[in-house]
Amino acid sequence: MRSRRTTLFAQPPRPNKIKRLKNRYRFFGISLILLLLGIGYRGIEGFWSQPQAVLVLGGATEREKFAAEFAKVHPNLDIWVSSGSNPEYAEWVFSEAGIDPDRIHLDYQAVDTVTNFTTLADELKSRGITSIYLITSDYHMRRAVVIGEIVLGSRGIDFKPIEVPSGQSSEPFDKVIRDAARAILWITTGRTGANFAHFQQQ
């Protein structure tokens, strides 16, 4: 009589879909907590440092107007405006506020929020700047802070966020995640993924 062959090492059952999803969410949650802890630590560390310059993110003329008034209160700081309004208008705003034009640096390399940081991080570092004020609209600040922590943090630059009131609600969180990934991509490869982001928006 032919005996049945028994399997000594049965293959364990594959984890079900719910368990896999739980593991993914757990991994994402831990990663997010670590990122927030890192941001918190840098924020506490940067609290005691004295900013040496101002970085204004383009995208709304109110930011330049706010920065011009802010510059009056901080007369020793140079101001970088990343892809703001046209040069004639920006120069007029700061001139009307009585700001010395030698303090103003208008830069138009950036095409979005990620490149606001990546196009200027190395220049700021080359000038020995290790701490800045970061000015942008309140609804835009959450995304700017995450990108800034990654990009500026990689160059040893901390910052103090200064919000410009807008009356608008905060941007969706998926934009924050997308641009955080692009900022990490820039650190590891030197690319920002700007073309891909532009394609997504279209």
N, C-alpha and C. Protein backbone atom coordinates (compact mmCIF):
# COMPACT_ATOMS: atom_id res chain seq x y z
N MET A 1 0.84 -1.19 0.00
CA MET A 1 0.00 0.00 0.00
C MET A 1 0.88 1.24 0.00
N ARG A 2 0.48 2.18 -0.83
CA ARG A 2 1.29 3.38 -0.98
C ARG A 2 0.98 4.36 0.16
N SER A 3 2.03 4.71 0.93
CA SER A 3 1.81 5.63 2.06
C SER A 3 1.83 7.08 1.60
N ARG A 4 1.07 7.87 2.31
CA ARG A 4 1.07 9.30 2.01
C ARG A 4 2.32 9.96 2.56
N ARG A 5 2.83 10.90 1.76
CA ARG A 5 4.02 11.64 2.22
C ARG A 5 3.53 12.87 3.00
N THR A 6 4.03 13.01 4.19
CA THR A 6 3.64 14.17 5.01
C THR A 6 4.67 15.27 4.87
N THR A 7 4.19 16.48 4.92
CA THR A 7 5.09 17.64 4.83
C THR A 7 5.49 18.05 6.24
N LEU A 8 6.80 17.97 6.50
CA LEU A 8 7.27 18.30 7.85
C LEU A 8 7.25 19.80 8.11
N PHE A 9 7.57 20.56 7.06
CA PHE A 9 7.67 22.01 7.26
C PHE A 9 6.59 22.69 6.42
N ALA A 10 5.45 22.84 7.00
CA ALA A 10 4.35 23.46 6.27
C ALA A 10 4.64 24.96 6.11
N GLN A 11 4.31 25.49 4.95
CA GLN A 11 4.54 26.91 4.69
C GLN A 11 3.55 27.73 5.50
N PRO A 12 4.03 28.71 6.24
CA PRO A 12 3.12 29.51 7.08
C PRO A 12 2.14 30.29 6.20
N PRO A 13 0.96 30.55 6.71
CA PRO A 13 -0.03 31.29 5.92
C PRO A 13 0.45 32.71 5.63
N ARG A 14 0.15 33.22 4.46
CA ARG A 14 0.55 34.58 4.07
C ARG A 14 -0.27 35.59 4.87
N PRO A 15 0.37 36.66 5.30
CA PRO A 15 -0.38 37.66 6.09
C PRO A 15 -1.50 38.25 5.24
N ASN A 16 -2.62 38.47 5.86
CA ASN A 16 -3.75 39.00 5.10
C ASN A 16 -3.56 40.49 4.80
N LYS A 17 -4.43 40.99 3.96
CA LYS A 17 -4.30 42.37 3.48
C LYS A 17 -4.39 43.39 4.60
N ILE A 18 -5.26 43.14 5.56
CA ILE A 18 -5.44 44.09 6.67
C ILE A 18 -4.16 44.21 7.49
N LYS A 19 -3.52 43.05 7.72
CA LYS A 19 -2.28 43.06 8.50
C LYS A 19 -1.19 43.83 7.77
N ARG A 20 -1.10 43.65 6.45
CA ARG A 20 -0.09 44.37 5.67
C ARG A 20 -0.33 45.89 5.72
N LEU A 21 -1.60 46.26 5.62
CA LEU A 21 -1.93 47.69 5.69
C LEU A 21 -1.58 48.27 7.05
N LYS A 22 -1.86 47.50 8.11
CA LYS A 22 -1.53 47.97 9.46
C LYS A 22 -0.03 48.19 9.61
N ASN A 23 0.76 47.26 9.06
CA ASN A 23 2.21 47.39 9.13
C ASN A 23 2.69 48.62 8.38
N ARG A 24 2.07 48.88 7.22
CA ARG A 24 2.47 50.06 6.44
C ARG A 24 2.14 51.34 7.19
N TYR A 25 0.93 51.39 7.77
CA TYR A 25 0.54 52.58 8.53
C TYR A 25 1.42 52.77 9.76
N ARG A 26 1.79 51.64 10.38
CA ARG A 26 2.67 51.73 11.55
C ARG A 26 4.03 52.30 11.16
N PHE A 27 4.57 51.81 10.03
CA PHE A 27 5.86 52.30 9.54
C PHE A 27 5.76 53.79 9.21
N PHE A 28 4.67 54.17 8.52
CA PHE A 28 4.49 55.58 8.17
C PHE A 28 4.38 56.44 9.42
N GLY A 29 3.63 55.94 10.41
CA GLY A 29 3.44 56.70 11.65
C GLY A 29 4.75 56.91 12.40
N ILE A 30 5.56 55.85 12.48
CA ILE A 30 6.85 55.96 13.16
C ILE A 30 7.76 56.94 12.43
N SER A 31 7.77 56.85 11.08
CA SER A 31 8.60 57.76 10.29
C SER A 31 8.17 59.21 10.50
N LEU A 32 6.84 59.42 10.54
CA LEU A 32 6.33 60.78 10.74
C LEU A 32 6.70 61.31 12.12
N ILE A 33 6.59 60.45 13.13
CA ILE A 33 6.95 60.86 14.49
C ILE A 33 8.42 61.25 14.56
N LEU A 34 9.28 60.43 13.94
CA LEU A 34 10.71 60.73 13.94
C LEU A 34 11.00 62.05 13.24
N LEU A 35 10.29 62.30 12.12
CA LEU A 35 10.47 63.56 11.41
C LEU A 35 10.05 64.73 12.28
N LEU A 36 8.89 64.61 12.95
CA LEU A 36 8.40 65.70 13.80
C LEU A 36 9.32 65.92 14.99
N LEU A 37 9.85 64.83 15.54
CA LEU A 37 10.80 64.97 16.65
C LEU A 37 12.06 65.70 16.19
N GLY A 38 12.52 65.35 14.98
CA GLY A 38 13.68 66.03 14.42
C GLY A 38 13.42 67.51 14.21
N ILE A 39 12.23 67.83 13.68
CA ILE A 39 11.85 69.23 13.47
C ILE A 39 11.78 69.95 14.81
N GLY A 40 11.18 69.26 15.80
CA GLY A 40 11.07 69.87 17.13
C GLY A 40 12.43 70.15 17.75
N TYR A 41 13.34 69.18 17.61
CA TYR A 41 14.69 69.36 18.17
C TYR A 41 15.40 70.52 17.52
N ARG A 42 15.33 70.59 16.17
CA ARG A 42 15.99 71.68 15.47
C ARG A 42 15.35 73.01 15.83
N GLY A 43 14.02 72.98 16.05
CA GLY A 43 13.34 74.22 16.43
C GLY A 43 13.82 74.74 17.78
N ILE A 44 13.98 73.82 18.75
CA ILE A 44 14.48 74.20 20.07
C ILE A 44 15.93 74.68 19.97
N GLU A 45 16.72 73.94 19.17
CA GLU A 45 18.13 74.30 18.99
C GLU A 45 18.25 75.67 18.33
N GLY A 46 17.40 75.91 17.32
CA GLY A 46 17.47 77.18 16.59
C GLY A 46 16.89 78.35 17.34
N PHE A 47 16.10 78.07 18.41
CA PHE A 47 15.46 79.14 19.17
C PHE A 47 16.49 80.12 19.73
N TRP A 48 17.66 79.61 20.10
CA TRP A 48 18.67 80.44 20.74
C TRP A 48 19.59 81.11 19.74
N SER A 49 19.57 80.70 18.49
CA SER A 49 20.46 81.29 17.50
C SER A 49 19.89 82.60 16.98
N GLN A 50 20.76 83.51 16.62
CA GLN A 50 20.36 84.82 16.12
C GLN A 50 20.36 84.82 14.59
N PRO A 51 19.18 85.00 13.96
CA PRO A 51 19.15 85.00 12.49
C PRO A 51 20.06 86.07 11.89
N GLN A 52 20.69 85.70 10.78
CA GLN A 52 21.63 86.60 10.11
C GLN A 52 21.09 87.14 8.79
N ALA A 53 19.92 86.65 8.38
CA ALA A 53 19.35 87.08 7.10
C ALA A 53 17.86 86.75 7.10
N VAL A 54 17.18 87.21 6.05
CA VAL A 54 15.75 86.95 5.88
C VAL A 54 15.55 86.30 4.52
N LEU A 55 14.76 85.21 4.49
CA LEU A 55 14.38 84.58 3.22
C LEU A 55 12.88 84.71 3.04
N VAL A 56 12.49 85.36 1.94
CA VAL A 56 11.07 85.56 1.63
C VAL A 56 10.72 84.65 0.45
N LEU A 57 9.70 83.81 0.62
CA LEU A 57 9.28 82.93 -0.46
C LEU A 57 8.27 83.66 -1.34
N GLY A 58 8.53 83.66 -2.65
CA GLY A 58 7.62 84.32 -3.58
C GLY A 58 6.30 83.58 -3.69
N GLY A 59 5.33 84.26 -4.31
CA GLY A 59 4.03 83.62 -4.47
C GLY A 59 2.87 84.52 -4.12
N ALA A 60 3.15 85.61 -3.40
CA ALA A 60 2.11 86.58 -3.03
C ALA A 60 2.79 87.91 -2.72
N THR A 61 2.28 88.99 -3.30
CA THR A 61 2.91 90.31 -3.10
C THR A 61 2.86 90.74 -1.63
N GLU A 62 1.87 90.20 -0.88
CA GLU A 62 1.77 90.56 0.53
C GLU A 62 3.02 90.15 1.30
N ARG A 63 3.69 89.12 0.84
CA ARG A 63 4.89 88.66 1.54
C ARG A 63 6.01 89.68 1.43
N GLU A 64 6.15 90.29 0.25
CA GLU A 64 7.19 91.31 0.07
C GLU A 64 6.86 92.58 0.86
N LYS A 65 5.59 92.95 0.87
CA LYS A 65 5.18 94.12 1.66
C LYS A 65 5.46 93.88 3.14
N PHE A 66 5.11 92.70 3.61
CA PHE A 66 5.37 92.33 5.01
C PHE A 66 6.87 92.35 5.28
N ALA A 67 7.66 91.78 4.37
CA ALA A 67 9.12 91.71 4.54
C ALA A 67 9.74 93.09 4.59
N ALA A 68 9.19 94.03 3.81
CA ALA A 68 9.72 95.39 3.81
C ALA A 68 9.53 96.04 5.18
N GLU A 69 8.37 95.83 5.79
CA GLU A 69 8.13 96.36 7.13
C GLU A 69 8.98 95.64 8.17
N PHE A 70 9.13 94.33 7.97
CA PHE A 70 9.95 93.52 8.87
C PHE A 70 11.40 93.98 8.82
N ALA A 71 11.86 94.36 7.62
CA ALA A 71 13.25 94.81 7.44
C ALA A 71 13.53 96.11 8.18
N LYS A 72 12.51 96.93 8.37
CA LYS A 72 12.69 98.17 9.13
C LYS A 72 13.07 97.87 10.58
N VAL A 73 12.47 96.82 11.11
CA VAL A 73 12.70 96.46 12.52
C VAL A 73 14.02 95.70 12.69
N HIS A 74 14.55 95.17 11.59
CA HIS A 74 15.81 94.41 11.62
C HIS A 74 16.78 95.03 10.61
N PRO A 75 17.28 96.20 10.91
CA PRO A 75 18.07 96.98 9.93
C PRO A 75 19.42 96.37 9.54
N ASN A 76 19.88 95.37 10.27
CA ASN A 76 21.20 94.79 9.97
C ASN A 76 21.12 93.51 9.14
N LEU A 77 19.91 93.12 8.76
CA LEU A 77 19.76 91.86 8.04
C LEU A 77 19.53 92.08 6.55
N ASP A 78 20.23 91.29 5.72
CA ASP A 78 19.96 91.27 4.29
C ASP A 78 18.72 90.43 4.01
N ILE A 79 18.04 90.75 2.92
CA ILE A 79 16.79 90.07 2.57
C ILE A 79 16.92 89.40 1.21
N TRP A 80 16.66 88.10 1.17
CA TRP A 80 16.60 87.36 -0.08
C TRP A 80 15.13 87.10 -0.42
N VAL A 81 14.73 87.46 -1.63
CA VAL A 81 13.37 87.18 -2.09
C VAL A 81 13.49 86.16 -3.22
N SER A 82 12.89 84.98 -3.00
CA SER A 82 13.01 83.90 -3.98
C SER A 82 11.79 83.87 -4.91
N SER A 83 12.04 84.24 -6.18
CA SER A 83 11.00 84.22 -7.21
C SER A 83 9.71 84.88 -6.76
N GLY A 84 9.87 86.14 -6.36
CA GLY A 84 8.70 86.93 -5.97
C GLY A 84 8.11 87.65 -7.17
N SER A 85 7.58 88.84 -6.92
CA SER A 85 7.00 89.64 -8.00
C SER A 85 8.10 90.18 -8.91
N ASN A 86 7.71 90.84 -10.00
CA ASN A 86 8.73 91.32 -10.94
C ASN A 86 9.69 92.30 -10.27
N PRO A 87 10.91 92.41 -10.75
CA PRO A 87 11.94 93.22 -10.09
C PRO A 87 11.52 94.66 -9.85
N GLU A 88 10.85 95.27 -10.83
CA GLU A 88 10.46 96.68 -10.69
C GLU A 88 9.54 96.87 -9.49
N TYR A 89 8.54 95.98 -9.36
CA TYR A 89 7.60 96.11 -8.25
C TYR A 89 8.29 95.82 -6.92
N ALA A 90 9.08 94.75 -6.87
CA ALA A 90 9.75 94.38 -5.62
C ALA A 90 10.69 95.49 -5.16
N GLU A 91 11.46 96.05 -6.08
CA GLU A 91 12.37 97.14 -5.72
C GLU A 91 11.59 98.35 -5.22
N TRP A 92 10.43 98.62 -5.85
CA TRP A 92 9.60 99.76 -5.42
C TRP A 92 9.08 99.55 -4.00
N VAL A 93 8.63 98.33 -3.68
CA VAL A 93 8.09 98.03 -2.35
C VAL A 93 9.13 98.30 -1.28
N PHE A 94 10.34 97.83 -1.49
CA PHE A 94 11.39 98.02 -0.47
C PHE A 94 11.88 99.46 -0.45
N SER A 95 11.90 100.11 -1.60
CA SER A 95 12.30 101.52 -1.66
C SER A 95 11.31 102.39 -0.90
N GLU A 96 10.01 102.12 -1.08
CA GLU A 96 8.97 102.88 -0.36
C GLU A 96 9.10 102.73 1.14
N ALA A 97 9.60 101.57 1.57
CA ALA A 97 9.78 101.33 3.01
C ALA A 97 11.10 101.90 3.52
N GLY A 98 11.90 102.49 2.61
CA GLY A 98 13.17 103.09 3.01
C GLY A 98 14.28 102.09 3.24
N ILE A 99 14.19 100.93 2.61
CA ILE A 99 15.21 99.89 2.79
C ILE A 99 16.34 100.10 1.78
N ASP A 100 17.56 100.09 2.25
CA ASP A 100 18.74 100.24 1.39
C ASP A 100 18.73 99.13 0.33
N PRO A 101 18.79 99.48 -0.95
CA PRO A 101 18.76 98.45 -2.00
C PRO A 101 19.90 97.45 -1.92
N ASP A 102 21.01 97.84 -1.28
CA ASP A 102 22.13 96.91 -1.14
C ASP A 102 21.79 95.73 -0.24
N ARG A 103 20.73 95.88 0.55
CA ARG A 103 20.32 94.79 1.44
C ARG A 103 19.42 93.77 0.74
N ILE A 104 18.91 94.12 -0.43
CA ILE A 104 17.92 93.30 -1.11
C ILE A 104 18.56 92.42 -2.18
N HIS A 105 18.25 91.14 -2.15
CA HIS A 105 18.74 90.19 -3.15
C HIS A 105 17.54 89.51 -3.79
N LEU A 106 17.25 89.87 -5.03
CA LEU A 106 16.12 89.28 -5.75
C LEU A 106 16.64 88.11 -6.59
N ASP A 107 16.09 86.95 -6.35
CA ASP A 107 16.53 85.74 -7.04
C ASP A 107 15.34 85.10 -7.74
N TYR A 108 15.51 84.77 -9.02
CA TYR A 108 14.38 84.24 -9.81
C TYR A 108 14.65 82.84 -10.38
N GLN A 109 15.49 82.08 -9.70
CA GLN A 109 15.78 80.72 -10.17
C GLN A 109 14.66 79.73 -9.85
N ALA A 110 13.96 79.94 -8.74
CA ALA A 110 12.98 78.96 -8.27
C ALA A 110 11.73 78.94 -9.14
N VAL A 111 11.15 77.75 -9.24
CA VAL A 111 9.89 77.59 -9.98
C VAL A 111 8.76 77.11 -9.07
N ASP A 112 9.09 76.75 -7.83
CA ASP A 112 8.07 76.29 -6.87
C ASP A 112 8.66 76.35 -5.47
N THR A 113 7.91 75.84 -4.50
CA THR A 113 8.35 75.95 -3.10
C THR A 113 9.64 75.18 -2.82
N VAL A 114 9.76 73.97 -3.36
CA VAL A 114 10.98 73.19 -3.12
C VAL A 114 12.19 73.94 -3.66
N THR A 115 12.10 74.46 -4.88
CA THR A 115 13.25 75.16 -5.47
C THR A 115 13.48 76.54 -4.85
N ASN A 116 12.47 77.08 -4.14
CA ASN A 116 12.73 78.28 -3.33
C ASN A 116 13.91 78.04 -2.38
N PHE A 117 13.98 76.83 -1.88
CA PHE A 117 15.02 76.48 -0.91
C PHE A 117 16.28 75.94 -1.60
N THR A 118 16.11 75.03 -2.55
CA THR A 118 17.28 74.37 -3.14
C THR A 118 18.15 75.34 -3.94
N THR A 119 17.57 76.38 -4.51
CA THR A 119 18.36 77.31 -5.31
C THR A 119 19.18 78.28 -4.46
N LEU A 120 18.84 78.41 -3.19
CA LEU A 120 19.54 79.40 -2.35
C LEU A 120 20.29 78.79 -1.16
N ALA A 121 20.03 77.53 -0.85
CA ALA A 121 20.65 76.93 0.34
C ALA A 121 22.17 77.01 0.30
N ASP A 122 22.77 76.66 -0.84
CA ASP A 122 24.24 76.66 -0.91
C ASP A 122 24.81 78.08 -0.91
N GLU A 123 24.08 79.02 -1.50
CA GLU A 123 24.56 80.41 -1.47
C GLU A 123 24.56 80.96 -0.05
N LEU A 124 23.49 80.69 0.68
CA LEU A 124 23.43 81.13 2.07
C LEU A 124 24.56 80.52 2.88
N LYS A 125 24.79 79.23 2.67
CA LYS A 125 25.87 78.55 3.39
C LYS A 125 27.23 79.15 3.03
N SER A 126 27.44 79.44 1.75
CA SER A 126 28.73 79.99 1.31
C SER A 126 29.01 81.36 1.93
N ARG A 127 27.95 82.05 2.32
CA ARG A 127 28.11 83.35 2.96
C ARG A 127 28.25 83.23 4.48
N GLY A 128 28.30 82.00 4.96
CA GLY A 128 28.48 81.79 6.40
C GLY A 128 27.20 81.98 7.20
N ILE A 129 26.06 81.95 6.53
CA ILE A 129 24.78 82.13 7.21
C ILE A 129 24.30 80.78 7.76
N THR A 130 24.04 80.75 9.05
CA THR A 130 23.61 79.51 9.70
C THR A 130 22.23 79.63 10.32
N SER A 131 21.63 80.82 10.25
CA SER A 131 20.30 81.01 10.81
C SER A 131 19.59 82.14 10.07
N ILE A 132 18.30 81.92 9.75
CA ILE A 132 17.55 82.94 9.01
C ILE A 132 16.13 83.06 9.56
N TYR A 133 15.48 84.17 9.19
CA TYR A 133 14.04 84.29 9.34
C TYR A 133 13.43 83.81 8.03
N LEU A 134 12.37 83.01 8.11
CA LEU A 134 11.68 82.52 6.92
C LEU A 134 10.29 83.14 6.87
N ILE A 135 10.03 83.93 5.82
CA ILE A 135 8.75 84.62 5.69
C ILE A 135 7.94 84.03 4.54
N THR A 136 6.72 83.62 4.85
CA THR A 136 5.77 83.19 3.83
C THR A 136 4.36 83.29 4.41
N SER A 137 3.36 83.06 3.59
CA SER A 137 1.97 83.16 4.05
C SER A 137 1.66 82.06 5.06
N ASP A 138 0.70 82.34 5.96
CA ASP A 138 0.35 81.37 7.00
C ASP A 138 -0.14 80.04 6.41
N TYR A 139 -0.93 80.09 5.35
CA TYR A 139 -1.47 78.86 4.77
C TYR A 139 -0.37 78.01 4.11
N HIS A 140 0.75 78.63 3.80
CA HIS A 140 1.87 77.99 3.09
C HIS A 140 2.97 77.52 4.03
N MET A 141 2.89 77.96 5.29
CA MET A 141 4.02 77.77 6.21
C MET A 141 4.28 76.32 6.56
N ARG A 142 3.23 75.51 6.74
CA ARG A 142 3.45 74.11 7.13
C ARG A 142 4.34 73.39 6.11
N ARG A 143 4.02 73.56 4.84
CA ARG A 143 4.82 72.92 3.78
C ARG A 143 6.23 73.51 3.74
N ALA A 144 6.33 74.83 3.88
CA ALA A 144 7.63 75.49 3.84
C ALA A 144 8.53 75.03 4.98
N VAL A 145 7.96 74.84 6.16
CA VAL A 145 8.74 74.41 7.32
C VAL A 145 9.32 73.01 7.09
N VAL A 146 8.51 72.09 6.58
CA VAL A 146 8.99 70.72 6.35
C VAL A 146 10.11 70.72 5.32
N ILE A 147 9.89 71.43 4.21
CA ILE A 147 10.93 71.49 3.17
C ILE A 147 12.18 72.16 3.72
N GLY A 148 12.00 73.26 4.44
CA GLY A 148 13.14 73.99 5.00
C GLY A 148 13.95 73.14 5.96
N GLU A 149 13.26 72.35 6.79
CA GLU A 149 13.98 71.49 7.73
C GLU A 149 14.86 70.49 6.98
N ILE A 150 14.37 70.00 5.86
CA ILE A 150 15.14 69.01 5.10
C ILE A 150 16.27 69.68 4.32
N VAL A 151 15.92 70.69 3.52
CA VAL A 151 16.90 71.31 2.62
C VAL A 151 17.89 72.19 3.39
N LEU A 152 17.39 73.14 4.16
CA LEU A 152 18.29 74.02 4.91
C LEU A 152 19.02 73.24 6.00
N GLY A 153 18.29 72.30 6.62
CA GLY A 153 18.91 71.48 7.67
C GLY A 153 20.10 70.70 7.14
N SER A 154 20.02 70.26 5.88
CA SER A 154 21.13 69.50 5.30
C SER A 154 22.37 70.36 5.12
N ARG A 155 22.20 71.67 5.17
CA ARG A 155 23.32 72.61 5.03
C ARG A 155 23.67 73.28 6.36
N GLY A 156 23.08 72.78 7.44
CA GLY A 156 23.39 73.32 8.76
C GLY A 156 22.79 74.69 9.02
N ILE A 157 21.67 75.00 8.35
CA ILE A 157 21.02 76.30 8.51
C ILE A 157 19.69 76.11 9.22
N ASP A 158 19.49 76.78 10.35
CA ASP A 158 18.19 76.72 11.00
C ASP A 158 17.40 78.00 10.69
N PHE A 159 16.14 78.02 11.03
CA PHE A 159 15.32 79.18 10.68
C PHE A 159 14.20 79.39 11.69
N LYS A 160 13.71 80.62 11.71
CA LYS A 160 12.56 80.97 12.53
C LYS A 160 11.44 81.40 11.59
N PRO A 161 10.33 80.66 11.58
CA PRO A 161 9.24 81.00 10.66
C PRO A 161 8.47 82.23 11.10
N ILE A 162 8.18 83.10 10.14
CA ILE A 162 7.38 84.30 10.38
C ILE A 162 6.21 84.26 9.39
N GLU A 163 4.99 84.13 9.91
CA GLU A 163 3.82 83.97 9.05
C GLU A 163 3.22 85.31 8.64
N VAL A 164 2.82 85.39 7.38
CA VAL A 164 2.09 86.54 6.88
C VAL A 164 0.61 86.17 6.87
N PRO A 165 -0.24 86.89 7.60
CA PRO A 165 -1.68 86.55 7.64
C PRO A 165 -2.31 86.63 6.26
N SER A 166 -3.18 85.66 5.97
CA SER A 166 -3.81 85.62 4.65
C SER A 166 -5.32 85.39 4.69
N GLY A 167 -5.79 84.79 5.77
CA GLY A 167 -7.21 84.45 5.86
C GLY A 167 -7.56 83.19 5.11
N GLN A 168 -6.55 82.48 4.58
CA GLN A 168 -6.79 81.24 3.84
C GLN A 168 -6.51 80.03 4.74
N SER A 169 -7.16 78.92 4.42
CA SER A 169 -6.92 77.69 5.18
C SER A 169 -5.62 77.03 4.71
N SER A 170 -5.05 76.21 5.57
CA SER A 170 -3.77 75.56 5.27
C SER A 170 -3.89 74.66 4.05
N GLU A 171 -2.77 74.49 3.37
CA GLU A 171 -2.73 73.63 2.19
C GLU A 171 -2.97 72.17 2.58
N PRO A 172 -3.44 71.34 1.65
CA PRO A 172 -3.65 69.92 1.96
C PRO A 172 -2.34 69.21 2.30
N PHE A 173 -2.46 68.21 3.16
CA PHE A 173 -1.26 67.53 3.66
C PHE A 173 -0.54 66.74 2.58
N ASP A 174 -1.25 66.34 1.52
CA ASP A 174 -0.57 65.56 0.48
C ASP A 174 0.50 66.38 -0.23
N LYS A 175 0.32 67.71 -0.28
CA LYS A 175 1.35 68.56 -0.86
C LYS A 175 2.61 68.56 0.00
N VAL A 176 2.40 68.52 1.31
CA VAL A 176 3.53 68.48 2.24
C VAL A 176 4.34 67.20 2.03
N ILE A 177 3.63 66.06 1.96
CA ILE A 177 4.30 64.77 1.78
C ILE A 177 5.04 64.73 0.44
N ARG A 178 4.36 65.19 -0.62
CA ARG A 178 4.99 65.18 -1.95
C ARG A 178 6.27 65.99 -1.97
N ASP A 179 6.21 67.21 -1.40
CA ASP A 179 7.39 68.08 -1.47
C ASP A 179 8.47 67.66 -0.48
N ALA A 180 8.10 66.99 0.61
CA ALA A 180 9.11 66.44 1.52
C ALA A 180 9.91 65.37 0.78
N ALA A 181 9.20 64.54 0.00
CA ALA A 181 9.89 63.51 -0.79
C ALA A 181 10.80 64.14 -1.82
N ARG A 182 10.36 65.22 -2.45
CA ARG A 182 11.19 65.91 -3.44
C ARG A 182 12.43 66.53 -2.78
N ALA A 183 12.26 67.05 -1.57
CA ALA A 183 13.41 67.63 -0.86
C ALA A 183 14.44 66.56 -0.53
N ILE A 184 13.98 65.39 -0.12
CA ILE A 184 14.90 64.27 0.16
C ILE A 184 15.58 63.83 -1.12
N LEU A 185 14.83 63.81 -2.22
CA LEU A 185 15.40 63.47 -3.52
C LEU A 185 16.55 64.42 -3.87
N TRP A 186 16.37 65.71 -3.59
CA TRP A 186 17.40 66.70 -3.89
C TRP A 186 18.67 66.44 -3.08
N ILE A 187 18.49 66.09 -1.82
CA ILE A 187 19.65 65.82 -0.96
C ILE A 187 20.43 64.61 -1.48
N THR A 188 19.71 63.59 -1.92
CA THR A 188 20.37 62.34 -2.31
C THR A 188 20.86 62.32 -3.76
N THR A 189 20.19 63.08 -4.65
CA THR A 189 20.56 63.01 -6.08
C THR A 189 20.88 64.36 -6.71
N GLY A 190 20.54 65.45 -6.03
CA GLY A 190 20.75 66.76 -6.62
C GLY A 190 19.61 67.19 -7.53
N ARG A 191 18.60 66.35 -7.68
CA ARG A 191 17.44 66.67 -8.52
C ARG A 191 16.25 67.02 -7.63
N THR A 192 15.38 67.91 -8.12
CA THR A 192 14.24 68.35 -7.31
C THR A 192 12.92 67.73 -7.73
N GLY A 193 12.89 67.10 -8.88
CA GLY A 193 11.63 66.54 -9.37
C GLY A 193 10.64 67.61 -9.76
N ALA A 194 11.14 68.81 -10.10
CA ALA A 194 10.25 69.93 -10.43
C ALA A 194 9.40 69.64 -11.67
N ASN A 195 9.98 68.98 -12.66
CA ASN A 195 9.22 68.67 -13.88
C ASN A 195 8.06 67.72 -13.58
N PHE A 196 8.31 66.74 -12.71
CA PHE A 196 7.27 65.79 -12.34
C PHE A 196 6.15 66.51 -11.58
N ALA A 197 6.52 67.40 -10.66
CA ALA A 197 5.53 68.13 -9.89
C ALA A 197 4.68 69.01 -10.79
N HIS A 198 5.32 69.64 -11.77
CA HIS A 198 4.60 70.50 -12.71
C HIS A 198 3.63 69.66 -13.54
N PHE A 199 4.04 68.47 -13.93
CA PHE A 199 3.18 67.57 -14.70
C PHE A 199 1.97 67.15 -13.86
N GLN A 200 2.19 66.87 -12.56
CA GLN A 200 1.10 66.49 -11.67
C GLN A 200 0.06 67.60 -11.56
N GLN A 201 0.54 68.85 -11.44
CA GLN A 201 -0.38 69.98 -11.29
C GLN A 201 -1.22 70.18 -12.53
N GLN A 202 -0.64 69.90 -13.71
CA GLN A 202 -1.37 70.04 -14.95
C GLN A 202 -2.45 68.96 -15.06
